[in-house]
Amino acid sequence: MEPVPLDAATLPPFSNQRGCPRCGARYEIRVHFDRDCAEVRGDHFHQLCRCGHRWLERCSENPVRAA
């Protein structure tokens, strides 16, 4: 059974000011934009630190919802 994808609005907002939640690094973090994927529905970013930690963030603090 596949998990139900999260809504991007439930993710923390994207920020270049925060570092990796695991190791605290603030550099060499790969960021990929995605609209929809198996994990999250809506515009969001996948981030990958060089320590191997991955996390997701939404595009803005005020996500625009479709009417």
N, C-alpha and C. Protein backbone atom coordinates (compact mmCIF):
# COMPACT_ATOMS: atom_id res chain seq x y z
N MET A 1 0.83 -1.18 0.00
CA MET A 1 0.00 0.00 0.00
C MET A 1 0.88 1.25 0.00
N GLU A 2 0.67 2.14 -0.98
CA GLU A 2 1.46 3.36 -1.07
C GLU A 2 0.93 4.41 -0.10
N PRO A 3 1.84 5.19 0.52
CA PRO A 3 1.39 6.24 1.44
C PRO A 3 0.73 7.38 0.67
N VAL A 4 -0.15 8.10 1.33
CA VAL A 4 -0.80 9.27 0.75
C VAL A 4 0.19 10.43 0.79
N PRO A 5 0.42 11.12 -0.33
CA PRO A 5 1.37 12.24 -0.33
C PRO A 5 0.91 13.37 0.58
N LEU A 6 1.87 14.07 1.18
CA LEU A 6 1.59 15.25 2.00
C LEU A 6 1.21 16.42 1.12
N ASP A 7 0.52 17.39 1.69
CA ASP A 7 0.24 18.65 1.02
C ASP A 7 1.45 19.56 1.31
N ALA A 8 1.98 20.23 0.28
CA ALA A 8 3.14 21.09 0.45
C ALA A 8 2.92 22.17 1.51
N ALA A 9 1.67 22.60 1.73
CA ALA A 9 1.38 23.64 2.73
C ALA A 9 1.72 23.18 4.14
N THR A 10 1.84 21.88 4.38
CA THR A 10 2.16 21.38 5.72
C THR A 10 3.67 21.35 5.99
N LEU A 11 4.48 21.62 4.97
CA LEU A 11 5.93 21.61 5.13
C LEU A 11 6.42 22.94 5.69
N PRO A 12 7.59 22.96 6.34
CA PRO A 12 8.16 24.24 6.78
C PRO A 12 8.56 25.08 5.56
N PRO A 13 8.57 26.43 5.67
CA PRO A 13 8.95 27.27 4.54
C PRO A 13 10.43 27.16 4.20
N PHE A 14 10.75 27.31 2.91
CA PHE A 14 12.13 27.27 2.44
C PHE A 14 12.91 28.45 2.98
N SER A 15 14.14 28.20 3.37
CA SER A 15 15.02 29.27 3.82
C SER A 15 16.46 28.88 3.56
N ASN A 16 17.22 29.82 2.98
CA ASN A 16 18.65 29.59 2.81
C ASN A 16 19.40 29.89 4.11
N GLN A 17 18.69 30.42 5.11
CA GLN A 17 19.33 30.81 6.36
C GLN A 17 19.49 29.63 7.32
N ARG A 18 18.63 28.63 7.20
CA ARG A 18 18.74 27.46 8.08
C ARG A 18 19.71 26.47 7.46
N GLY A 19 20.37 25.75 8.31
CA GLY A 19 21.28 24.71 7.84
C GLY A 19 20.62 23.35 7.87
N CYS A 20 21.42 22.35 7.66
CA CYS A 20 20.96 20.97 7.69
C CYS A 20 20.45 20.64 9.09
N PRO A 21 19.25 20.07 9.20
CA PRO A 21 18.72 19.70 10.52
C PRO A 21 19.57 18.66 11.25
N ARG A 22 20.32 17.86 10.51
CA ARG A 22 21.13 16.82 11.15
C ARG A 22 22.51 17.32 11.58
N CYS A 23 23.28 17.91 10.63
CA CYS A 23 24.66 18.27 10.95
C CYS A 23 24.89 19.77 11.11
N GLY A 24 23.91 20.60 10.72
CA GLY A 24 24.04 22.05 10.87
C GLY A 24 24.77 22.74 9.74
N ALA A 25 25.26 22.01 8.75
CA ALA A 25 25.98 22.62 7.63
C ALA A 25 25.08 23.62 6.92
N ARG A 26 25.65 24.76 6.52
CA ARG A 26 24.90 25.79 5.80
C ARG A 26 25.44 25.96 4.39
N TYR A 27 26.20 25.01 3.92
CA TYR A 27 26.83 25.10 2.61
C TYR A 27 26.77 23.73 1.93
N GLU A 28 26.95 23.75 0.65
CA GLU A 28 26.94 22.53 -0.16
C GLU A 28 25.68 21.70 0.07
N ILE A 29 24.54 22.37 0.13
CA ILE A 29 23.24 21.69 0.23
C ILE A 29 22.61 21.77 -1.15
N ARG A 30 22.32 20.61 -1.73
CA ARG A 30 21.70 20.55 -3.05
C ARG A 30 20.20 20.78 -2.89
N VAL A 31 19.63 21.64 -3.74
CA VAL A 31 18.22 21.99 -3.68
C VAL A 31 17.59 21.71 -5.04
N HIS A 32 16.49 20.96 -5.04
CA HIS A 32 15.77 20.65 -6.27
C HIS A 32 14.32 21.08 -6.11
N PHE A 33 13.81 21.86 -7.08
CA PHE A 33 12.41 22.25 -7.08
C PHE A 33 11.58 21.11 -7.67
N ASP A 34 10.38 20.91 -7.12
CA ASP A 34 9.48 19.87 -7.62
C ASP A 34 8.04 20.38 -7.48
N ARG A 35 7.18 20.05 -8.43
CA ARG A 35 5.77 20.45 -8.36
C ARG A 35 4.94 19.39 -7.66
N ASP A 36 5.06 18.19 -8.04
CA ASP A 36 4.35 17.05 -7.45
C ASP A 36 5.27 15.85 -7.53
N CYS A 37 5.27 15.04 -6.50
CA CYS A 37 6.04 13.81 -6.52
C CYS A 37 5.30 12.77 -5.68
N ALA A 38 5.87 11.62 -5.51
CA ALA A 38 5.22 10.56 -4.73
C ALA A 38 5.11 10.93 -3.26
N GLU A 39 5.96 11.85 -2.78
CA GLU A 39 5.96 12.24 -1.37
C GLU A 39 5.08 13.43 -1.05
N VAL A 40 5.05 14.42 -1.97
CA VAL A 40 4.40 15.70 -1.67
C VAL A 40 3.62 16.20 -2.89
N ARG A 41 2.42 16.72 -2.65
CA ARG A 41 1.61 17.36 -3.69
C ARG A 41 1.72 18.86 -3.53
N GLY A 42 2.05 19.55 -4.61
CA GLY A 42 2.22 21.00 -4.59
C GLY A 42 3.68 21.38 -4.76
N ASP A 43 3.93 22.66 -5.00
CA ASP A 43 5.29 23.16 -5.22
C ASP A 43 6.12 23.04 -3.95
N HIS A 44 7.30 22.44 -4.06
CA HIS A 44 8.16 22.24 -2.90
C HIS A 44 9.60 22.02 -3.33
N PHE A 45 10.51 21.98 -2.37
CA PHE A 45 11.92 21.73 -2.62
C PHE A 45 12.36 20.46 -1.91
N HIS A 46 13.18 19.68 -2.58
CA HIS A 46 13.88 18.56 -1.97
C HIS A 46 15.29 19.07 -1.70
N GLN A 47 15.78 18.85 -0.50
CA GLN A 47 17.13 19.29 -0.16
C GLN A 47 17.96 18.09 0.28
N LEU A 48 19.22 18.09 -0.13
CA LEU A 48 20.14 17.01 0.20
C LEU A 48 21.45 17.60 0.67
N CYS A 49 21.81 17.31 1.92
CA CYS A 49 23.08 17.78 2.48
C CYS A 49 24.17 16.78 2.12
N ARG A 50 25.41 17.23 2.13
CA ARG A 50 26.51 16.31 1.81
C ARG A 50 26.70 15.24 2.88
N CYS A 51 26.07 15.41 4.06
CA CYS A 51 26.14 14.36 5.09
C CYS A 51 25.16 13.23 4.77
N GLY A 52 24.30 13.43 3.74
CA GLY A 52 23.36 12.41 3.34
C GLY A 52 21.94 12.64 3.82
N HIS A 53 21.74 13.64 4.69
CA HIS A 53 20.40 13.92 5.19
C HIS A 53 19.55 14.59 4.10
N ARG A 54 18.29 14.16 3.98
CA ARG A 54 17.34 14.73 3.02
C ARG A 54 16.16 15.31 3.78
N TRP A 55 15.61 16.44 3.29
CA TRP A 55 14.40 17.00 3.88
C TRP A 55 13.66 17.80 2.82
N LEU A 56 12.40 18.11 3.13
CA LEU A 56 11.52 18.81 2.21
C LEU A 56 11.08 20.14 2.80
N GLU A 57 10.93 21.15 1.95
CA GLU A 57 10.42 22.45 2.38
C GLU A 57 9.50 22.99 1.30
N ARG A 58 8.48 23.77 1.72
CA ARG A 58 7.58 24.39 0.74
C ARG A 58 8.25 25.62 0.14
N CYS A 59 7.67 26.14 -0.92
CA CYS A 59 8.28 27.24 -1.67
C CYS A 59 8.24 28.59 -0.98
N SER A 60 7.19 28.86 -0.20
CA SER A 60 7.08 30.17 0.44
C SER A 60 6.34 30.02 1.77
N GLU A 61 6.37 31.09 2.55
CA GLU A 61 5.67 31.07 3.82
C GLU A 61 4.17 31.16 3.63
N ASN A 62 3.73 31.72 2.52
CA ASN A 62 2.30 31.87 2.23
C ASN A 62 1.97 31.15 0.93
N PRO A 63 1.81 29.83 0.98
CA PRO A 63 1.53 29.10 -0.26
C PRO A 63 0.19 29.52 -0.86
N VAL A 64 0.15 29.63 -2.17
CA VAL A 64 -1.08 29.98 -2.87
C VAL A 64 -1.86 28.71 -3.12
N ARG A 65 -3.10 28.70 -2.72
CA ARG A 65 -3.97 27.52 -2.89
C ARG A 65 -4.81 27.72 -4.14
N ALA A 66 -4.98 26.65 -4.91
CA ALA A 66 -5.84 26.71 -6.09
C ALA A 66 -7.30 26.85 -5.67
N ALA A 67 -8.07 27.63 -6.41
CA ALA A 67 -9.49 27.83 -6.08
C ALA A 67 -10.33 26.68 -6.57
